[in-house]
Structures are given as C-alpha cells and as structure tokens.
C-alpha cells in the first residue's frame, strides 16, 4: 500500500514542509514493514542535522 503525504515540522528555529510517499506492507491487518520516501532527502537530512 502506498500513500502520498505532506509533512512539516519545526526544529531549533528552522522549519520544513514537503511532500513524500509512505509505502506499507500489511499482513493480517497489521503494518509489518514501512518505508518513508521524502520529496527532497537532502533538505530533510539538513533539517535533522545529518
């Protein structure tokens, strides 16, 4: 299952807002794996200080 998402956050005076996709593997009605894909991975890494 895949879902288009929009997320935003604030941290140490910086803000971030972007689109992404969450991909889920569901078994027996429960999420068993999840992958998160950011619309701009470099910007998200910078926001989180990576």
Protein backbone atom coordinates (compact mmCIF):
# COMPACT_ATOMS: atom_id res chain seq x y z
CA UNK A 1 0.00 0.00 0.00
CA UNK A 2 1.29 3.50 -0.78
CA UNK A 3 0.08 6.86 0.47
CA UNK A 4 1.04 10.32 -0.72
CA UNK A 5 1.71 12.53 2.28
CA UNK A 6 2.62 16.09 3.20
CA UNK A 7 4.57 16.73 6.36
CA UNK A 8 6.01 19.74 8.15
CA UNK A 9 7.99 20.42 11.26
CA UNK A 10 9.97 22.97 13.23
CA UNK A 11 13.26 22.41 14.97
CA UNK A 12 15.73 24.84 16.54
CA UNK A 13 14.22 27.81 14.69
CA UNK A 14 14.22 26.05 11.30
CA UNK A 15 11.12 24.82 9.51
CA UNK A 16 10.46 22.20 6.87
CA UNK A 17 7.43 21.42 4.72
CA UNK A 18 7.42 18.89 1.87
CA UNK A 19 5.65 16.06 0.14
CA UNK A 20 6.59 12.41 0.35
CA UNK A 21 5.33 8.86 -0.02
CA UNK A 22 4.90 6.21 2.68
CA UNK A 23 4.89 2.60 1.48
CA UNK A 24 3.46 -0.01 3.84
CA UNK A 25 3.47 -3.79 3.79
CA UNK A 26 0.39 -5.08 5.58
CA UNK A 27 -0.17 -8.65 6.74
CA UNK A 28 -3.24 -9.88 8.62
CA UNK A 29 -4.46 -6.30 9.02
CA UNK A 30 -1.22 -5.07 10.64
CA UNK A 31 1.65 -2.99 9.29
CA UNK A 32 4.72 -5.24 9.24
CA UNK A 33 7.10 -3.01 7.26
CA UNK A 34 7.19 0.65 6.33
CA UNK A 35 9.37 2.72 4.01
CA UNK A 36 9.34 6.53 4.04
CA UNK A 37 10.33 8.49 0.93
CA UNK A 38 10.96 12.22 1.17
CA UNK A 39 10.37 14.63 -1.71
CA UNK A 40 13.80 16.18 -1.01
CA UNK A 41 16.02 13.86 1.01
CA UNK A 42 18.97 16.27 1.09
CA UNK A 43 16.82 19.07 2.58
CA UNK A 44 15.33 16.68 5.15
CA UNK A 45 18.79 15.41 6.13
CA UNK A 46 19.96 19.00 6.61
CA UNK A 47 16.88 19.80 8.72
CA UNK A 48 17.53 16.82 11.03
CA UNK A 49 21.27 17.59 11.18
CA UNK A 50 22.54 14.55 9.32
